[in-house]
Amino acid sequence: MLRINGRTCACGERLELEGRLTVPFVPELEQAVAAARLRSPQVSLDLSELVFLDTDGARYLRELRGQGIELHGASLFVAQLLGLAASAERSRGERSRGGPCWT
């Protein structure tokens, strides 16, 4: 199951992903991203509560990253699947949400 919570912050639209991003949920995320892009040219994804993703989920997140969407707060597992450098805070096991204007 995937839960997507949208928030507006000073830096644009933020989508918080919670749960598992697997093939049945990729279209749902595609729709949420498209809607967020209509509201703001700046869209970021908070991955701090994403606990699993399959090949299709990873492919789509890499695609979004290539389109300029920022990915923040990935766990070491998710960061490794996406080829992201994990932050020092996450490697120490601290939970944090990423982004310049996120609290």
N, C-alpha and C. Protein backbone atom coordinates (compact mmCIF):
# COMPACT_ATOMS: atom_id res chain seq x y z
N MET A 1 0.84 -1.18 0.00
CA MET A 1 0.00 0.00 0.00
C MET A 1 0.88 1.23 0.00
N LEU A 2 0.45 2.25 -0.71
CA LEU A 2 1.16 3.51 -0.77
C LEU A 2 0.21 4.63 -0.39
N ARG A 3 0.65 5.48 0.50
CA ARG A 3 -0.10 6.68 0.86
C ARG A 3 0.70 7.87 0.35
N ILE A 4 0.01 8.80 -0.30
CA ILE A 4 0.64 10.00 -0.82
C ILE A 4 -0.04 11.20 -0.19
N ASN A 5 0.73 11.99 0.55
CA ASN A 5 0.21 13.20 1.17
C ASN A 5 0.86 14.40 0.49
N GLY A 6 0.04 15.29 -0.03
CA GLY A 6 0.55 16.49 -0.68
C GLY A 6 0.56 17.65 0.28
N ARG A 7 1.60 18.46 0.20
CA ARG A 7 1.74 19.65 1.03
C ARG A 7 2.31 20.78 0.17
N THR A 8 1.88 21.97 0.46
CA THR A 8 2.46 23.14 -0.17
C THR A 8 3.42 23.77 0.82
N CYS A 9 4.63 24.04 0.38
CA CYS A 9 5.61 24.71 1.25
C CYS A 9 6.17 25.91 0.48
N ALA A 10 7.02 26.66 1.11
CA ALA A 10 7.58 27.86 0.48
C ALA A 10 8.35 27.53 -0.80
N CYS A 11 8.82 26.31 -0.91
CA CYS A 11 9.62 25.91 -2.08
C CYS A 11 8.80 25.26 -3.17
N GLY A 12 7.50 25.16 -3.01
CA GLY A 12 6.66 24.53 -4.02
C GLY A 12 5.81 23.42 -3.44
N GLU A 13 5.55 22.41 -4.24
CA GLU A 13 4.73 21.28 -3.82
C GLU A 13 5.61 20.14 -3.33
N ARG A 14 5.19 19.54 -2.24
CA ARG A 14 5.91 18.40 -1.66
C ARG A 14 4.94 17.24 -1.56
N LEU A 15 5.36 16.09 -2.08
CA LEU A 15 4.58 14.87 -1.95
C LEU A 15 5.31 13.95 -1.00
N GLU A 16 4.62 13.54 0.06
CA GLU A 16 5.21 12.64 1.06
C GLU A 16 4.70 11.23 0.76
N LEU A 17 5.63 10.32 0.53
CA LEU A 17 5.28 8.94 0.21
C LEU A 17 5.45 8.08 1.45
N GLU A 18 4.45 7.27 1.72
CA GLU A 18 4.47 6.41 2.91
C GLU A 18 4.05 5.00 2.50
N GLY A 19 4.89 4.03 2.84
CA GLY A 19 4.54 2.64 2.56
C GLY A 19 5.42 2.03 1.49
N ARG A 20 4.75 1.37 0.52
CA ARG A 20 5.45 0.58 -0.50
C ARG A 20 5.09 1.09 -1.89
N LEU A 21 6.10 1.44 -2.67
CA LEU A 21 5.88 1.87 -4.05
C LEU A 21 6.16 0.68 -4.97
N THR A 22 5.10 0.01 -5.36
CA THR A 22 5.20 -1.15 -6.23
C THR A 22 4.36 -0.89 -7.49
N VAL A 23 4.50 -1.77 -8.46
CA VAL A 23 3.90 -1.56 -9.78
C VAL A 23 2.42 -1.14 -9.73
N PRO A 24 1.57 -1.67 -8.86
CA PRO A 24 0.18 -1.22 -8.90
C PRO A 24 -0.02 0.23 -8.47
N PHE A 25 0.98 0.80 -7.76
CA PHE A 25 0.82 2.15 -7.22
C PHE A 25 1.56 3.21 -8.04
N VAL A 26 2.34 2.80 -9.04
CA VAL A 26 3.05 3.77 -9.86
C VAL A 26 2.08 4.71 -10.58
N PRO A 27 0.97 4.23 -11.17
CA PRO A 27 0.03 5.16 -11.82
C PRO A 27 -0.56 6.18 -10.84
N GLU A 28 -0.81 5.77 -9.61
CA GLU A 28 -1.33 6.69 -8.59
C GLU A 28 -0.32 7.81 -8.33
N LEU A 29 0.96 7.45 -8.23
CA LEU A 29 2.00 8.46 -8.02
C LEU A 29 2.14 9.35 -9.25
N GLU A 30 2.03 8.77 -10.44
CA GLU A 30 2.09 9.56 -11.67
C GLU A 30 1.00 10.64 -11.67
N GLN A 31 -0.21 10.27 -11.26
CA GLN A 31 -1.31 11.23 -11.20
C GLN A 31 -1.05 12.31 -10.16
N ALA A 32 -0.52 11.92 -9.00
CA ALA A 32 -0.24 12.89 -7.94
C ALA A 32 0.84 13.87 -8.38
N VAL A 33 1.86 13.37 -9.06
CA VAL A 33 2.94 14.25 -9.55
C VAL A 33 2.39 15.21 -10.61
N ALA A 34 1.58 14.71 -11.52
CA ALA A 34 1.00 15.57 -12.56
C ALA A 34 0.15 16.68 -11.94
N ALA A 35 -0.65 16.33 -10.93
CA ALA A 35 -1.48 17.33 -10.25
C ALA A 35 -0.62 18.35 -9.51
N ALA A 36 0.44 17.89 -8.86
CA ALA A 36 1.35 18.80 -8.14
C ALA A 36 2.03 19.75 -9.11
N ARG A 37 2.40 19.25 -10.29
CA ARG A 37 3.05 20.10 -11.29
C ARG A 37 2.12 21.18 -11.82
N LEU A 38 0.82 20.92 -11.80
CA LEU A 38 -0.14 21.94 -12.21
C LEU A 38 -0.20 23.08 -11.20
N ARG A 39 0.06 22.75 -9.94
CA ARG A 39 0.00 23.75 -8.87
C ARG A 39 1.31 24.53 -8.73
N SER A 40 2.43 23.91 -9.10
CA SER A 40 3.72 24.56 -8.92
C SER A 40 4.75 23.93 -9.85
N PRO A 41 5.67 24.73 -10.38
CA PRO A 41 6.74 24.15 -11.19
C PRO A 41 7.78 23.41 -10.35
N GLN A 42 7.80 23.67 -9.04
CA GLN A 42 8.74 23.02 -8.14
C GLN A 42 8.03 21.91 -7.37
N VAL A 43 8.43 20.66 -7.62
CA VAL A 43 7.85 19.51 -6.94
C VAL A 43 8.98 18.70 -6.33
N SER A 44 8.80 18.31 -5.07
CA SER A 44 9.77 17.47 -4.37
C SER A 44 9.05 16.28 -3.77
N LEU A 45 9.78 15.18 -3.63
CA LEU A 45 9.22 13.99 -2.99
C LEU A 45 9.96 13.72 -1.70
N ASP A 46 9.20 13.51 -0.64
CA ASP A 46 9.75 13.12 0.65
C ASP A 46 9.63 11.60 0.74
N LEU A 47 10.76 10.92 0.77
CA LEU A 47 10.79 9.46 0.78
C LEU A 47 11.08 8.90 2.16
N SER A 48 11.03 9.73 3.20
CA SER A 48 11.45 9.29 4.53
C SER A 48 10.58 8.18 5.11
N GLU A 49 9.34 8.03 4.64
CA GLU A 49 8.46 6.97 5.13
C GLU A 49 8.23 5.88 4.09
N LEU A 50 8.99 5.91 3.01
CA LEU A 50 8.90 4.87 1.99
C LEU A 50 9.77 3.70 2.44
N VAL A 51 9.14 2.55 2.66
CA VAL A 51 9.87 1.41 3.23
C VAL A 51 10.28 0.37 2.19
N PHE A 52 9.68 0.42 1.00
CA PHE A 52 10.00 -0.57 -0.02
C PHE A 52 9.64 -0.03 -1.39
N LEU A 53 10.39 -0.41 -2.40
CA LEU A 53 9.99 -0.15 -3.77
C LEU A 53 10.51 -1.28 -4.64
N ASP A 54 9.72 -1.60 -5.67
CA ASP A 54 10.13 -2.65 -6.59
C ASP A 54 10.82 -2.01 -7.79
N THR A 55 11.13 -2.81 -8.79
CA THR A 55 11.85 -2.33 -9.96
C THR A 55 11.11 -1.20 -10.67
N ASP A 56 9.79 -1.34 -10.81
CA ASP A 56 9.00 -0.30 -11.48
C ASP A 56 8.96 0.99 -10.67
N GLY A 57 8.83 0.86 -9.36
CA GLY A 57 8.84 2.04 -8.50
C GLY A 57 10.18 2.76 -8.56
N ALA A 58 11.27 2.01 -8.51
CA ALA A 58 12.61 2.60 -8.59
C ALA A 58 12.82 3.27 -9.94
N ARG A 59 12.39 2.61 -11.01
CA ARG A 59 12.53 3.18 -12.35
C ARG A 59 11.81 4.52 -12.45
N TYR A 60 10.58 4.58 -11.92
CA TYR A 60 9.81 5.82 -12.01
C TYR A 60 10.43 6.92 -11.16
N LEU A 61 10.91 6.61 -9.98
CA LEU A 61 11.56 7.64 -9.16
C LEU A 61 12.84 8.15 -9.82
N ARG A 62 13.60 7.27 -10.44
CA ARG A 62 14.80 7.72 -11.17
C ARG A 62 14.41 8.61 -12.35
N GLU A 63 13.32 8.26 -13.01
CA GLU A 63 12.81 9.07 -14.11
C GLU A 63 12.42 10.47 -13.62
N LEU A 64 11.72 10.53 -12.50
CA LEU A 64 11.34 11.83 -11.93
C LEU A 64 12.57 12.65 -11.56
N ARG A 65 13.54 11.99 -10.97
CA ARG A 65 14.79 12.68 -10.60
C ARG A 65 15.45 13.26 -11.85
N GLY A 66 15.43 12.52 -12.94
CA GLY A 66 15.98 13.00 -14.20
C GLY A 66 15.22 14.19 -14.77
N GLN A 67 13.96 14.34 -14.36
CA GLN A 67 13.13 15.46 -14.81
C GLN A 67 13.26 16.66 -13.88
N GLY A 68 14.15 16.56 -12.90
CA GLY A 68 14.38 17.70 -12.00
C GLY A 68 13.60 17.68 -10.71
N ILE A 69 12.85 16.63 -10.45
CA ILE A 69 12.14 16.52 -9.18
C ILE A 69 13.11 16.05 -8.11
N GLU A 70 13.17 16.79 -7.01
CA GLU A 70 14.09 16.44 -5.93
C GLU A 70 13.52 15.33 -5.07
N LEU A 71 14.40 14.41 -4.68
CA LEU A 71 14.04 13.31 -3.80
C LEU A 71 14.77 13.50 -2.49
N HIS A 72 14.03 13.51 -1.38
CA HIS A 72 14.62 13.78 -0.08
C HIS A 72 14.27 12.69 0.93
N GLY A 73 15.13 12.50 1.90
CA GLY A 73 14.84 11.67 3.07
C GLY A 73 14.84 10.18 2.84
N ALA A 74 15.47 9.70 1.77
CA ALA A 74 15.45 8.27 1.48
C ALA A 74 16.21 7.48 2.53
N SER A 75 15.68 6.32 2.88
CA SER A 75 16.40 5.40 3.76
C SER A 75 17.62 4.88 3.00
N LEU A 76 18.52 4.24 3.71
CA LEU A 76 19.70 3.67 3.05
C LEU A 76 19.30 2.66 1.98
N PHE A 77 18.29 1.85 2.28
CA PHE A 77 17.79 0.85 1.34
C PHE A 77 17.29 1.52 0.06
N VAL A 78 16.41 2.50 0.21
CA VAL A 78 15.83 3.18 -0.94
C VAL A 78 16.91 3.96 -1.69
N ALA A 79 17.77 4.65 -0.96
CA ALA A 79 18.84 5.42 -1.60
C ALA A 79 19.73 4.52 -2.44
N GLN A 80 20.04 3.36 -1.94
CA GLN A 80 20.88 2.43 -2.68
C GLN A 80 20.19 1.96 -3.96
N LEU A 81 18.90 1.66 -3.88
CA LEU A 81 18.16 1.23 -5.08
C LEU A 81 18.08 2.33 -6.13
N LEU A 82 18.07 3.59 -5.67
CA LEU A 82 17.94 4.71 -6.59
C LEU A 82 19.29 5.28 -7.02
N GLY A 83 20.37 4.79 -6.41
CA GLY A 83 21.68 5.32 -6.74
C GLY A 83 21.92 6.70 -6.16
N LEU A 84 21.26 6.99 -5.03
CA LEU A 84 21.43 8.28 -4.36
C LEU A 84 22.48 8.16 -3.27
N ALA A 85 23.17 9.22 -2.99
CA ALA A 85 24.08 9.25 -1.85
C ALA A 85 23.22 9.50 -0.62
N ALA A 86 23.25 8.59 0.33
CA ALA A 86 22.46 8.75 1.56
C ALA A 86 23.10 9.83 2.43
N SER A 87 22.27 10.58 3.10
CA SER A 87 22.78 11.64 3.97
C SER A 87 23.44 11.06 5.21
N ALA A 88 24.30 11.83 5.82
CA ALA A 88 24.99 11.39 7.04
C ALA A 88 23.99 11.12 8.16
N GLU A 89 22.92 11.93 8.22
CA GLU A 89 21.93 11.72 9.28
C GLU A 89 21.27 10.37 9.13
N ARG A 90 20.90 10.01 7.91
CA ARG A 90 20.23 8.73 7.70
C ARG A 90 21.17 7.57 8.01
N SER A 91 22.45 7.72 7.66
CA SER A 91 23.38 6.63 7.91
C SER A 91 23.59 6.42 9.41
N ARG A 92 23.34 7.45 10.22
CA ARG A 92 23.42 7.30 11.66
C ARG A 92 22.11 6.81 12.25
N GLY A 93 21.10 6.61 11.41
CA GLY A 93 19.82 6.08 11.87
C GLY A 93 18.83 7.14 12.32
N GLU A 94 19.15 8.42 12.13
CA GLU A 94 18.22 9.47 12.52
C GLU A 94 17.19 9.65 11.42
N ARG A 95 15.95 9.92 11.80
CA ARG A 95 14.90 10.15 10.82
C ARG A 95 14.81 11.64 10.56
N SER A 96 14.91 11.99 9.31
CA SER A 96 14.81 13.41 8.96
C SER A 96 14.09 13.55 7.64
N ARG A 97 13.45 14.67 7.48
CA ARG A 97 12.84 14.99 6.19
C ARG A 97 13.79 15.97 5.51
N GLY A 98 14.01 15.76 4.25
CA GLY A 98 14.95 16.59 3.53
C GLY A 98 14.29 17.77 2.88
N GLY A 99 15.11 18.67 2.41
CA GLY A 99 14.63 19.82 1.67
C GLY A 99 14.92 21.10 2.39
N PRO A 100 15.16 22.15 1.63
CA PRO A 100 15.56 23.41 2.25
C PRO A 100 14.51 24.08 3.11
N CYS A 101 13.24 23.85 2.85
CA CYS A 101 12.22 24.54 3.64
C CYS A 101 11.33 23.57 4.41
N TRP A 102 11.77 22.34 4.59
CA TRP A 102 10.94 21.35 5.24
C TRP A 102 11.25 21.29 6.72
N THR A 103 10.19 21.14 7.49
CA THR A 103 10.38 20.97 8.94
C THR A 103 9.70 19.73 9.40
